[in-house]
Amino acid sequence: MTKNEVFGQIKKIIIEKFNLEEEEIKLSSSFVEDLGADSLDLVDLVMALEDEFGIKIEENDTDTLKCIEDVVNFIYEKLGGAADEEDVTDDVDDDSDEKVNSDELDE
């Protein structure tokens, strides 16, 4: 699984759990400041991520997961990748693991 695929799955979970539009979700989005999540929202999100990816997120790990990019890197590493192994972008096509050039979207 690529980082872009991980990001795509995380976005789908956040859209569902936080009742947001896809455009509102960026890699740099802070859960609390940008997405308006409270502590119960974050617990619910962690449980959903654990179920989706088949991983365990320890309580002390959640303290370091402040923005979406932190979660993408954390889960990617848990799945066996290295956080700096590949880049992930906000512009991903959910049906593909390739980066999408914004110029291609206008065509």
PDB file of N, CA and C in Angstrom:
ATOM      1  N   MET A   1       0.850  -1.178   0.000  1.00  0.00           N
ATOM      2  CA  MET A   1       0.000   0.000   0.000  1.00  0.00           C
ATOM      3  C   MET A   1       0.891   1.234   0.000  1.00  0.00           C
ATOM      4  N   THR A   2       0.574   2.187  -0.877  1.00  0.00           N
ATOM      5  CA  THR A   2       1.360   3.419  -0.950  1.00  0.00           C
ATOM      6  C   THR A   2       0.852   4.443   0.062  1.00  0.00           C
ATOM      7  N   LYS A   3       1.652   5.487   0.265  1.00  0.00           N
ATOM      8  CA  LYS A   3       1.219   6.550   1.163  1.00  0.00           C
ATOM      9  C   LYS A   3      -0.032   7.246   0.632  1.00  0.00           C
ATOM     10  N   ASN A   4      -0.109   7.420  -0.673  1.00  0.00           N
ATOM     11  CA  ASN A   4      -1.293   8.049  -1.250  1.00  0.00           C
ATOM     12  C   ASN A   4      -2.534   7.200  -1.002  1.00  0.00           C
ATOM     13  N   GLU A   5      -2.408   5.890  -1.058  1.00  0.00           N
ATOM     14  CA  GLU A   5      -3.538   5.009  -0.765  1.00  0.00           C
ATOM     15  C   GLU A   5      -3.930   5.108   0.707  1.00  0.00           C
ATOM     16  N   VAL A   6      -2.929   5.174   1.588  1.00  0.00           N
ATOM     17  CA  VAL A   6      -3.193   5.343   3.017  1.00  0.00           C
ATOM     18  C   VAL A   6      -3.940   6.658   3.237  1.00  0.00           C
ATOM     19  N   PHE A   7      -3.460   7.738   2.617  1.00  0.00           N
ATOM     20  CA  PHE A   7      -4.094   9.039   2.745  1.00  0.00           C
ATOM     21  C   PHE A   7      -5.538   8.996   2.246  1.00  0.00           C
ATOM     22  N   GLY A   8      -5.763   8.331   1.125  1.00  0.00           N
ATOM     23  CA  GLY A   8      -7.112   8.224   0.584  1.00  0.00           C
ATOM     24  C   GLY A   8      -8.070   7.532   1.541  1.00  0.00           C
ATOM     25  N   GLN A   9      -7.608   6.460   2.161  1.00  0.00           N
ATOM     26  CA  GLN A   9      -8.449   5.738   3.120  1.00  0.00           C
ATOM     27  C   GLN A   9      -8.703   6.570   4.376  1.00  0.00           C
ATOM     28  N   ILE A  10      -7.679   7.267   4.832  1.00  0.00           N
ATOM     29  CA  ILE A  10      -7.832   8.126   6.004  1.00  0.00           C
ATOM     30  C   ILE A  10      -8.828   9.243   5.709  1.00  0.00           C
ATOM     31  N   LYS A  11      -8.732   9.838   4.520  1.00  0.00           N
ATOM     32  CA  LYS A  11      -9.677  10.894   4.145  1.00  0.00           C
ATOM     33  C   LYS A  11     -11.117  10.391   4.193  1.00  0.00           C
ATOM     34  N   LYS A  12     -11.355   9.204   3.666  1.00  0.00           N
ATOM     35  CA  LYS A  12     -12.712   8.653   3.669  1.00  0.00           C
ATOM     36  C   LYS A  12     -13.240   8.497   5.094  1.00  0.00           C
ATOM     37  N   ILE A  13     -12.388   8.037   5.996  1.00  0.00           N
ATOM     38  CA  ILE A  13     -12.788   7.865   7.397  1.00  0.00           C
ATOM     39  C   ILE A  13     -13.094   9.225   8.028  1.00  0.00           C
ATOM     40  N   ILE A  14     -12.237  10.217   7.778  1.00  0.00           N
ATOM     41  CA  ILE A  14     -12.434  11.544   8.360  1.00  0.00           C
ATOM     42  C   ILE A  14     -13.710  12.178   7.819  1.00  0.00           C
ATOM     43  N   ILE A  15     -13.964  12.032   6.536  1.00  0.00           N
ATOM     44  CA  ILE A  15     -15.194  12.570   5.940  1.00  0.00           C
ATOM     45  C   ILE A  15     -16.411  11.993   6.649  1.00  0.00           C
ATOM     46  N   GLU A  16     -16.380  10.691   6.873  1.00  0.00           N
ATOM     47  CA  GLU A  16     -17.506  10.025   7.526  1.00  0.00           C
ATOM     48  C   GLU A  16     -17.626  10.412   8.998  1.00  0.00           C
ATOM     49  N   LYS A  17     -16.533  10.375   9.728  1.00  0.00           N
ATOM     50  CA  LYS A  17     -16.568  10.604  11.173  1.00  0.00           C
ATOM     51  C   LYS A  17     -16.817  12.057  11.546  1.00  0.00           C
ATOM     52  N   PHE A  18     -16.257  12.994  10.768  1.00  0.00           N
ATOM     53  CA  PHE A  18     -16.346  14.412  11.114  1.00  0.00           C
ATOM     54  C   PHE A  18     -17.366  15.159  10.262  1.00  0.00           C
ATOM     55  N   ASN A  19     -18.040  14.441   9.355  1.00  0.00           N
ATOM     56  CA  ASN A  19     -19.052  15.043   8.491  1.00  0.00           C
ATOM     57  C   ASN A  19     -18.496  16.249   7.726  1.00  0.00           C
ATOM     58  N   LEU A  20     -17.376  16.017   7.027  1.00  0.00           N
ATOM     59  CA  LEU A  20     -16.698  17.064   6.274  1.00  0.00           C
ATOM     60  C   LEU A  20     -16.743  16.770   4.788  1.00  0.00           C
ATOM     61  N   GLU A  21     -16.429  17.771   4.000  1.00  0.00           N
ATOM     62  CA  GLU A  21     -16.266  17.616   2.557  1.00  0.00           C
ATOM     63  C   GLU A  21     -14.799  17.303   2.270  1.00  0.00           C
ATOM     64  N   GLU A  22     -14.555  16.579   1.185  1.00  0.00           N
ATOM     65  CA  GLU A  22     -13.196  16.177   0.841  1.00  0.00           C
ATOM     66  C   GLU A  22     -12.258  17.375   0.693  1.00  0.00           C
ATOM     67  N   GLU A  23     -12.768  18.482   0.158  1.00  0.00           N
ATOM     68  CA  GLU A  23     -11.933  19.670  -0.064  1.00  0.00           C
ATOM     69  C   GLU A  23     -11.415  20.269   1.244  1.00  0.00           C
ATOM     70  N   GLU A  24     -12.077  19.981   2.338  1.00  0.00           N
ATOM     71  CA  GLU A  24     -11.678  20.530   3.634  1.00  0.00           C
ATOM     72  C   GLU A  24     -10.496  19.790   4.247  1.00  0.00           C
ATOM     73  N   ILE A  25     -10.145  18.650   3.685  1.00  0.00           N
ATOM     74  CA  ILE A  25      -9.130  17.791   4.282  1.00  0.00           C
ATOM     75  C   ILE A  25      -7.818  17.906   3.513  1.00  0.00           C
ATOM     76  N   LYS A  26      -6.825  18.423   4.185  1.00  0.00           N
ATOM     77  CA  LYS A  26      -5.479  18.582   3.627  1.00  0.00           C
ATOM     78  C   LYS A  26      -4.496  17.855   4.523  1.00  0.00           C
ATOM     79  N   LEU A  27      -3.347  17.521   3.985  1.00  0.00           N
ATOM     80  CA  LEU A  27      -2.308  16.860   4.786  1.00  0.00           C
ATOM     81  C   LEU A  27      -1.934  17.691   6.003  1.00  0.00           C
ATOM     82  N   SER A  28      -1.926  18.999   5.846  1.00  0.00           N
ATOM     83  CA  SER A  28      -1.502  19.875   6.937  1.00  0.00           C
ATOM     84  C   SER A  28      -2.621  20.171   7.928  1.00  0.00           C
ATOM     85  N   SER A  29      -3.832  19.670   7.681  1.00  0.00           N
ATOM     86  CA  SER A  29      -4.968  19.957   8.563  1.00  0.00           C
ATOM     87  C   SER A  29      -4.735  19.408   9.966  1.00  0.00           C
ATOM     88  N   SER A  30      -4.889  20.296  10.938  1.00  0.00           N
ATOM     89  CA  SER A  30      -4.839  19.903  12.346  1.00  0.00           C
ATOM     90  C   SER A  30      -6.213  19.378  12.730  1.00  0.00           C
ATOM     91  N   PHE A  31      -6.243  18.283  13.458  1.00  0.00           N
ATOM     92  CA  PHE A  31      -7.525  17.702  13.855  1.00  0.00           C
ATOM     93  C   PHE A  31      -8.335  18.653  14.724  1.00  0.00           C
ATOM     94  N   VAL A  32      -7.683  19.307  15.663  1.00  0.00           N
ATOM     95  CA  VAL A  32      -8.392  20.169  16.605  1.00  0.00           C
ATOM     96  C   VAL A  32      -8.632  21.555  16.006  1.00  0.00           C
ATOM     97  N   GLU A  33      -7.574  22.199  15.536  1.00  0.00           N
ATOM     98  CA  GLU A  33      -7.678  23.581  15.076  1.00  0.00           C
ATOM     99  C   GLU A  33      -8.398  23.716  13.740  1.00  0.00           C
ATOM    100  N   ASP A  34      -8.101  22.853  12.768  1.00  0.00           N
ATOM    101  CA  ASP A  34      -8.675  23.001  11.430  1.00  0.00           C
ATOM    102  C   ASP A  34      -9.971  22.214  11.230  1.00  0.00           C
ATOM    103  N   LEU A  35     -10.061  21.041  11.848  1.00  0.00           N
ATOM    104  CA  LEU A  35     -11.220  20.179  11.617  1.00  0.00           C
ATOM    105  C   LEU A  35     -12.221  20.211  12.774  1.00  0.00           C
ATOM    106  N   GLY A  36     -11.872  20.895  13.850  1.00  0.00           N
ATOM    107  CA  GLY A  36     -12.795  21.078  14.963  1.00  0.00           C
ATOM    108  C   GLY A  36     -13.061  19.829  15.788  1.00  0.00           C
ATOM    109  N   ALA A  37     -12.131  18.898  15.795  1.00  0.00           N
ATOM    110  CA  ALA A  37     -12.317  17.650  16.541  1.00  0.00           C
ATOM    111  C   ALA A  37     -12.130  17.878  18.038  1.00  0.00           C
ATOM    112  N   ASP A  38     -12.956  17.188  18.823  1.00  0.00           N
ATOM    113  CA  ASP A  38     -12.755  17.201  20.271  1.00  0.00           C
ATOM    114  C   ASP A  38     -12.177  15.847  20.684  1.00  0.00           C
ATOM    115  N   SER A  39     -11.971  15.649  21.969  1.00  0.00           N
ATOM    116  CA  SER A  39     -11.312  14.429  22.437  1.00  0.00           C
ATOM    117  C   SER A  39     -12.117  13.172  22.095  1.00  0.00           C
ATOM    118  N   LEU A  40     -13.436  13.245  22.158  1.00  0.00           N
ATOM    119  CA  LEU A  40     -14.249  12.077  21.797  1.00  0.00           C
ATOM    120  C   LEU A  40     -14.153  11.772  20.308  1.00  0.00           C
ATOM    121  N   ASP A  41     -14.119  12.819  19.477  1.00  0.00           N
ATOM    122  CA  ASP A  41     -13.934  12.626  18.038  1.00  0.00           C
ATOM    123  C   ASP A  41     -12.620  11.905  17.756  1.00  0.00           C
ATOM    124  N   LEU A  42     -11.575  12.303  18.466  1.00  0.00           N
ATOM    125  CA  LEU A  42     -10.259  11.713  18.240  1.00  0.00           C
ATOM    126  C   LEU A  42     -10.212  10.251  18.680  1.00  0.00           C
ATOM    127  N   VAL A  43     -10.864   9.917  19.793  1.00  0.00           N
ATOM    128  CA  VAL A  43     -10.927   8.520  20.236  1.00  0.00           C
ATOM    129  C   VAL A  43     -11.661   7.687  19.189  1.00  0.00           C
ATOM    130  N   ASP A  44     -12.777   8.213  18.686  1.00  0.00           N
ATOM    131  CA  ASP A  44     -13.552   7.522  17.657  1.00  0.00           C
ATOM    132  C   ASP A  44     -12.724   7.333  16.384  1.00  0.00           C
ATOM    133  N   LEU A  45     -11.966   8.358  16.008  1.00  0.00           N
ATOM    134  CA  LEU A  45     -11.112   8.276  14.828  1.00  0.00           C
ATOM    135  C   LEU A  45     -10.034   7.212  15.000  1.00  0.00           C
ATOM    136  N   VAL A  46      -9.390   7.196  16.151  1.00  0.00           N
ATOM    137  CA  VAL A  46      -8.339   6.206  16.416  1.00  0.00           C
ATOM    138  C   VAL A  46      -8.902   4.784  16.304  1.00  0.00           C
ATOM    139  N   MET A  47     -10.078   4.561  16.868  1.00  0.00           N
ATOM    140  CA  MET A  47     -10.685   3.226  16.794  1.00  0.00           C
ATOM    141  C   MET A  47     -11.002   2.856  15.348  1.00  0.00           C
ATOM    142  N   ALA A  48     -11.501   3.812  14.570  1.00  0.00           N
ATOM    143  CA  ALA A  48     -11.805   3.552  13.162  1.00  0.00           C
ATOM    144  C   ALA A  48     -10.531   3.249  12.368  1.00  0.00           C
ATOM    145  N   LEU A  49      -9.463   3.979  12.642  1.00  0.00           N
ATOM    146  CA  LEU A  49      -8.185   3.735  11.963  1.00  0.00           C
ATOM    147  C   LEU A  49      -7.628   2.367  12.326  1.00  0.00           C
ATOM    148  N   GLU A  50      -7.727   1.990  13.600  1.00  0.00           N
ATOM    149  CA  GLU A  50      -7.256   0.670  14.022  1.00  0.00           C
ATOM    150  C   GLU A  50      -8.029  -0.427  13.289  1.00  0.00           C
ATOM    151  N   ASP A  51      -9.328  -0.267  13.181  1.00  0.00           N
ATOM    152  CA  ASP A  51     -10.154  -1.263  12.477  1.00  0.00           C
ATOM    153  C   ASP A  51      -9.831  -1.310  10.992  1.00  0.00           C
ATOM    154  N   GLU A  52      -9.718  -0.151  10.368  1.00  0.00           N
ATOM    155  CA  GLU A  52      -9.488  -0.081   8.919  1.00  0.00           C
ATOM    156  C   GLU A  52      -8.147  -0.681   8.518  1.00  0.00           C
ATOM    157  N   PHE A  53      -7.107  -0.376   9.297  1.00  0.00           N
ATOM    158  CA  PHE A  53      -5.756  -0.786   8.915  1.00  0.00           C
ATOM    159  C   PHE A  53      -5.248  -2.010   9.671  1.00  0.00           C
ATOM    160  N   GLY A  54      -6.020  -2.513  10.630  1.00  0.00           N
ATOM    161  CA  GLY A  54      -5.606  -3.692  11.378  1.00  0.00           C
ATOM    162  C   GLY A  54      -4.371  -3.449  12.227  1.00  0.00           C
ATOM    163  N   ILE A  55      -4.287  -2.267  12.807  1.00  0.00           N
ATOM    164  CA  ILE A  55      -3.134  -1.910  13.637  1.00  0.00           C
ATOM    165  C   ILE A  55      -3.614  -1.503  15.024  1.00  0.00           C
ATOM    166  N   LYS A  56      -2.674  -1.360  15.951  1.00  0.00           N
ATOM    167  CA  LYS A  56      -2.957  -0.867  17.295  1.00  0.00           C
ATOM    168  C   LYS A  56      -2.247   0.468  17.449  1.00  0.00           C
ATOM    169  N   ILE A  57      -2.996   1.495  17.856  1.00  0.00           N
ATOM    170  CA  ILE A  57      -2.421   2.809  18.113  1.00  0.00           C
ATOM    171  C   ILE A  57      -2.441   3.018  19.622  1.00  0.00           C
ATOM    172  N   GLU A  58      -1.265   3.037  20.215  1.00  0.00           N
ATOM    173  CA  GLU A  58      -1.145   3.184  21.664  1.00  0.00           C
ATOM    174  C   GLU A  58      -1.483   4.616  22.077  1.00  0.00           C
ATOM    175  N   GLU A  59      -1.927   4.768  23.313  1.00  0.00           N
ATOM    176  CA  GLU A  59      -2.320   6.082  23.810  1.00  0.00           C
ATOM    177  C   GLU A  59      -1.176   7.090  23.739  1.00  0.00           C
ATOM    178  N   ASN A  60       0.040   6.645  24.052  1.00  0.00           N
ATOM    179  CA  ASN A  60       1.177   7.573  23.998  1.00  0.00           C
ATOM    180  C   ASN A  60       1.516   7.974  22.560  1.00  0.00           C
ATOM    181  N   ASP A  61       1.123   7.160  21.570  1.00  0.00           N
ATOM    182  CA  ASP A  61       1.338   7.521  20.164  1.00  0.00           C
ATOM    183  C   ASP A  61       0.383   8.631  19.731  1.00  0.00           C
ATOM    184  N   THR A  62      -0.818   8.643  20.288  1.00  0.00           N
ATOM    185  CA  THR A  62      -1.811   9.628  19.852  1.00  0.00           C
ATOM    186  C   THR A  62      -1.380  11.051  20.182  1.00  0.00           C
ATOM    187  N   ASP A  63      -0.531  11.223  21.177  1.00  0.00           N
ATOM    188  CA  ASP A  63      -0.060  12.563  21.537  1.00  0.00           C
ATOM    189  C   ASP A  63       0.762  13.203  20.427  1.00  0.00           C
ATOM    190  N   THR A  64       1.370  12.403  19.568  1.00  0.00           N
ATOM    191  CA  THR A  64       2.213  12.937  18.495  1.00  0.00           C
ATOM    192  C   THR A  64       1.454  13.105  17.183  1.00  0.00           C
ATOM    193  N   LEU A  65       0.217  12.663  17.129  1.00  0.00           N
ATOM    194  CA  LEU A  65      -0.565  12.703  15.890  1.00  0.00           C
ATOM    195  C   LEU A  65      -1.458  13.939  15.886  1.00  0.00           C
ATOM    196  N   LYS A  66      -0.888  15.063  15.503  1.00  0.00           N
ATOM    197  CA  LYS A  66      -1.595  16.345  15.555  1.00  0.00           C
ATOM    198  C   LYS A  66      -2.287  16.716  14.247  1.00  0.00           C
ATOM    199  N   CYS A  67      -1.714  16.298  13.119  1.00  0.00           N
ATOM    200  CA  CYS A  67      -2.302  16.640  11.823  1.00  0.00           C
ATOM    201  C   CYS A  67      -2.413  15.368  10.972  1.00  0.00           C
ATOM    202  N   ILE A  68      -3.088  15.499   9.863  1.00  0.00           N
ATOM    203  CA  ILE A  68      -3.350  14.335   9.014  1.00  0.00           C
ATOM    204  C   ILE A  68      -2.050  13.728   8.498  1.00  0.00           C
ATOM    205  N   GLU A  69      -1.090  14.553   8.134  1.00  0.00           N
ATOM    206  CA  GLU A  69       0.178  14.012   7.639  1.00  0.00           C
ATOM    207  C   GLU A  69       0.872  13.157   8.694  1.00  0.00           C
ATOM    208  N   ASP A  70       0.775  13.550   9.963  1.00  0.00           N
ATOM    209  CA  ASP A  70       1.339  12.739  11.046  1.00  0.00           C
ATOM    210  C   ASP A  70       0.713  11.349  11.058  1.00  0.00           C
ATOM    211  N   VAL A  71      -0.599  11.293  10.874  1.00  0.00           N
ATOM    212  CA  VAL A  71      -1.311  10.017  10.892  1.00  0.00           C
ATOM    213  C   VAL A  71      -0.943   9.179   9.670  1.00  0.00           C
ATOM    214  N   VAL A  72      -0.853   9.819   8.498  1.00  0.00           N
ATOM    215  CA  VAL A  72      -0.467   9.093   7.278  1.00  0.00           C
ATOM    216  C   VAL A  72       0.897   8.449   7.471  1.00  0.00           C
ATOM    217  N   ASN A  73       1.874   9.219   7.945  1.00  0.00           N
ATOM    218  CA  ASN A  73       3.227   8.689   8.152  1.00  0.00           C
ATOM    219  C   ASN A  73       3.237   7.590   9.207  1.00  0.00           C
ATOM    220  N   PHE A  74       2.506   7.791  10.297  1.00  0.00           N
ATOM    221  CA  PHE A  74       2.450   6.812  11.375  1.00  0.00           C
ATOM    222  C   PHE A  74       1.884   5.481  10.868  1.00  0.00           C
ATOM    223  N   ILE A  75       0.766   5.540  10.179  1.00  0.00           N
ATOM    224  CA  ILE A  75       0.135   4.307   9.696  1.00  0.00           C
ATOM    225  C   ILE A  75       0.994   3.650   8.621  1.00  0.00           C
ATOM    226  N   TYR A  76       1.576   4.457   7.737  1.00  0.00           N
ATOM    227  CA  TYR A  76       2.440   3.903   6.695  1.00  0.00           C
ATOM    228  C   TYR A  76       3.607   3.142   7.327  1.00  0.00           C
ATOM    229  N   GLU A  77       4.198   3.691   8.374  1.00  0.00           N
ATOM    230  CA  GLU A  77       5.287   3.003   9.073  1.00  0.00           C
ATOM    231  C   GLU A  77       4.786   1.726   9.744  1.00  0.00           C
ATOM    232  N   LYS A  78       3.609   1.788  10.359  1.00  0.00           N
ATOM    233  CA  LYS A  78       3.034   0.602  11.009  1.00  0.00           C
ATOM    234  C   LYS A  78       2.798  -0.519  10.002  1.00  0.00           C
ATOM    235  N   LEU A  79       2.515  -0.142   8.758  1.00  0.00           N
ATOM    236  CA  LEU A  79       2.278  -1.132   7.709  1.00  0.00           C
ATOM    237  C   LEU A  79       3.569  -1.610   7.049  1.00  0.00           C
ATOM    238  N   GLY A  80       4.707  -1.104   7.533  1.00  0.00           N
ATOM    239  CA  GLY A  80       5.987  -1.609   7.050  1.00  0.00           C
ATOM    240  C   GLY A  80       6.780  -0.671   6.179  1.00  0.00           C
ATOM    241  N   GLY A  81       6.273   0.525   5.911  1.00  0.00           N
ATOM    242  CA  GLY A  81       7.005   1.490   5.098  1.00  0.00           C
ATOM    243  C   GLY A  81       7.811   2.418   5.975  1.00  0.00           C
ATOM    244  N   ALA A  82       8.616   3.253   5.343  1.00  0.00           N
ATOM    245  CA  ALA A  82       9.386   4.268   6.059  1.00  0.00           C
ATOM    246  C   ALA A  82       8.755   5.623   5.765  1.00  0.00           C
ATOM    247  N   ALA A  83       8.605   6.461   6.784  1.00  0.00           N
ATOM    248  CA  ALA A  83       7.899   7.740   6.639  1.00  0.00           C
ATOM    249  C   ALA A  83       8.483   8.607   5.533  1.00  0.00           C
ATOM    250  N   ASP A  84       9.813   8.532   5.345  1.00  0.00           N
ATOM    251  CA  ASP A  84      10.436   9.363   4.312  1.00  0.00           C
ATOM    252  C   ASP A  84      10.646   8.604   3.001  1.00  0.00           C
ATOM    253  N   GLU A  85      10.041   7.448   2.881  1.00  0.00           N
ATOM    254  CA  GLU A  85      10.229   6.586   1.716  1.00  0.00           C
ATOM    255  C   GLU A  85       9.630   7.171   0.445  1.00  0.00           C
ATOM    256  N   GLU A  86       8.477   7.796   0.544  1.00  0.00           N
ATOM    257  CA  GLU A  86       7.835   8.381  -0.623  1.00  0.00           C
ATOM    258  C   GLU A  86       7.018   9.581  -0.197  1.00  0.00           C
ATOM    259  N   ASP A  87       6.744  10.439  -1.169  1.00  0.00           N
ATOM    260  CA  ASP A  87       5.960  11.630  -0.882  1.00  0.00           C
ATOM    261  C   ASP A  87       4.484  11.336  -1.060  1.00  0.00           C
ATOM    262  N   VAL A  88       3.693  12.077  -0.347  1.00  0.00           N
ATOM    263  CA  VAL A  88       2.240  12.007  -0.483  1.00  0.00           C
ATOM    264  C   VAL A  88       1.764  13.430  -0.732  1.00  0.00           C
ATOM    265  N   THR A  89       0.736  13.576  -1.556  1.00  0.00           N
ATOM    266  CA  THR A  89       0.234  14.902  -1.884  1.00  0.00           C
ATOM    267  C   THR A  89      -1.241  15.001  -1.558  1.00  0.00           C
ATOM    268  N   ASP A  90      -1.718  16.238  -1.429  1.00  0.00           N
ATOM    269  CA  ASP A  90      -3.146  16.460  -1.214  1.00  0.00           C
ATOM    270  C   ASP A  90      -3.951  16.067  -2.441  1.00  0.00           C
ATOM    271  N   ASP A  91      -3.332  16.133  -3.622  1.00  0.00           N
ATOM    272  CA  ASP A  91      -4.027  15.852  -4.882  1.00  0.00           C
ATOM    273  C   ASP A  91      -3.856  14.393  -5.273  1.00  0.00           C
ATOM    274  N   VAL A  92      -4.678  13.532  -4.693  1.00  0.00           N
ATOM    275  CA  VAL A  92      -4.619  12.121  -5.047  1.00  0.00           C
ATOM    276  C   VAL A  92      -5.927  11.697  -5.669  1.00  0.00           C
ATOM    277  N   ASP A  93      -5.823  10.807  -6.613  1.00  0.00           N
ATOM    278  CA  ASP A  93      -6.988  10.184  -7.229  1.00  0.00           C
ATOM    279  C   ASP A  93      -7.220   8.915  -6.430  1.00  0.00           C
ATOM    280  N   ASP A  94      -8.372   8.809  -5.764  1.00  0.00           N
ATOM    281  CA  ASP A  94      -8.632   7.676  -4.875  1.00  0.00           C
ATOM    282  C   ASP A  94      -8.614   6.329  -5.581  1.00  0.00           C
ATOM    283  N   ASP A  95      -8.761   6.331  -6.906  1.00  0.00           N
ATOM    284  CA  ASP A  95      -8.762   5.075  -7.652  1.00  0.00           C
ATOM    285  C   ASP A  95      -7.373   4.686  -8.137  1.00  0.00           C
ATOM    286  N   SER A  96      -6.391   5.499  -7.817  1.00  0.00           N
ATOM    287  CA  SER A  96      -5.042   5.250  -8.311  1.00  0.00           C
ATOM    288  C   SER A  96      -4.045   5.583  -7.223  1.00  0.00           C
ATOM    289  N   ASP A  97      -2.889   4.934  -7.295  1.00  0.00           N
ATOM    290  CA  ASP A  97      -1.861   5.242  -6.315  1.00  0.00           C
ATOM    291  C   ASP A  97      -0.856   6.241  -6.877  1.00  0.00           C
ATOM    292  N   GLU A  98      -1.178   6.846  -8.014  1.00  0.00           N
ATOM    293  CA  GLU A  98      -0.292   7.823  -8.608  1.00  0.00           C
ATOM    294  C   GLU A  98      -0.705   9.221  -8.195  1.00  0.00           C
ATOM    295  N   LYS A  99       0.271  10.139  -8.171  1.00  0.00           N
ATOM    296  CA  LYS A  99      -0.034  11.523  -7.886  1.00  0.00           C
ATOM    297  C   LYS A  99      -0.777  12.113  -9.077  1.00  0.00           C
ATOM    298  N   VAL A 100      -1.669  13.015  -8.802  1.00  0.00           N
ATOM    299  CA  VAL A 100      -2.428  13.665  -9.864  1.00  0.00           C
ATOM    300  C   VAL A 100      -1.926  15.075 -10.013  1.00  0.00           C
ATOM    301  N   ASN A 101      -1.582  15.428 -11.235  1.00  0.00           N
ATOM    302  CA  ASN A 101      -1.154  16.777 -11.543  1.00  0.00           C
ATOM    303  C   ASN A 101      -2.389  17.648 -11.644  1.00  0.00           C
ATOM    304  N   SER A 102      -2.413  18.785 -10.956  1.00  0.00           N
ATOM    305  CA  SER A 102      -3.611  19.627 -10.959  1.00  0.00           C
ATOM    306  C   SER A 102      -3.956  20.127 -12.359  1.00  0.00           C
ATOM    307  N   ASP A 103      -2.975  20.250 -13.254  1.00  0.00           N
ATOM    308  CA  ASP A 103      -3.261  20.643 -14.631  1.00  0.00           C
ATOM    309  C   ASP A 103      -4.090  19.596 -15.349  1.00  0.00           C
ATOM    310  N   GLU A 104      -3.909  18.326 -14.992  1.00  0.00           N
ATOM    311  CA  GLU A 104      -4.655  17.235 -15.610  1.00  0.00           C
ATOM    312  C   GLU A 104      -6.123  17.264 -15.212  1.00  0.00           C
ATOM    313  N   LEU A 105      -6.424  17.832 -14.054  1.00  0.00           N
ATOM    314  CA  LEU A 105      -7.798  17.869 -13.567  1.00  0.00           C
ATOM    315  C   LEU A 105      -8.656  18.811 -14.389  1.00  0.00           C
ATOM    316  N   ASP A 106      -8.050  19.821 -15.008  1.00  0.00           N
ATOM    317  CA  ASP A 106      -8.791  20.803 -15.786  1.00  0.00           C
ATOM    318  C   ASP A 106      -9.123  20.306 -17.189  1.00  0.00           C
ATOM    319  N   GLU A 107      -8.503  19.232 -17.619  1.00  0.00           N
ATOM    320  CA  GLU A 107      -8.715  18.729 -18.982  1.00  0.00           C
ATOM    321  C   GLU A 107     -10.005  17.983 -19.116  1.00  0.00           C
TER     322      GLU A 107
END
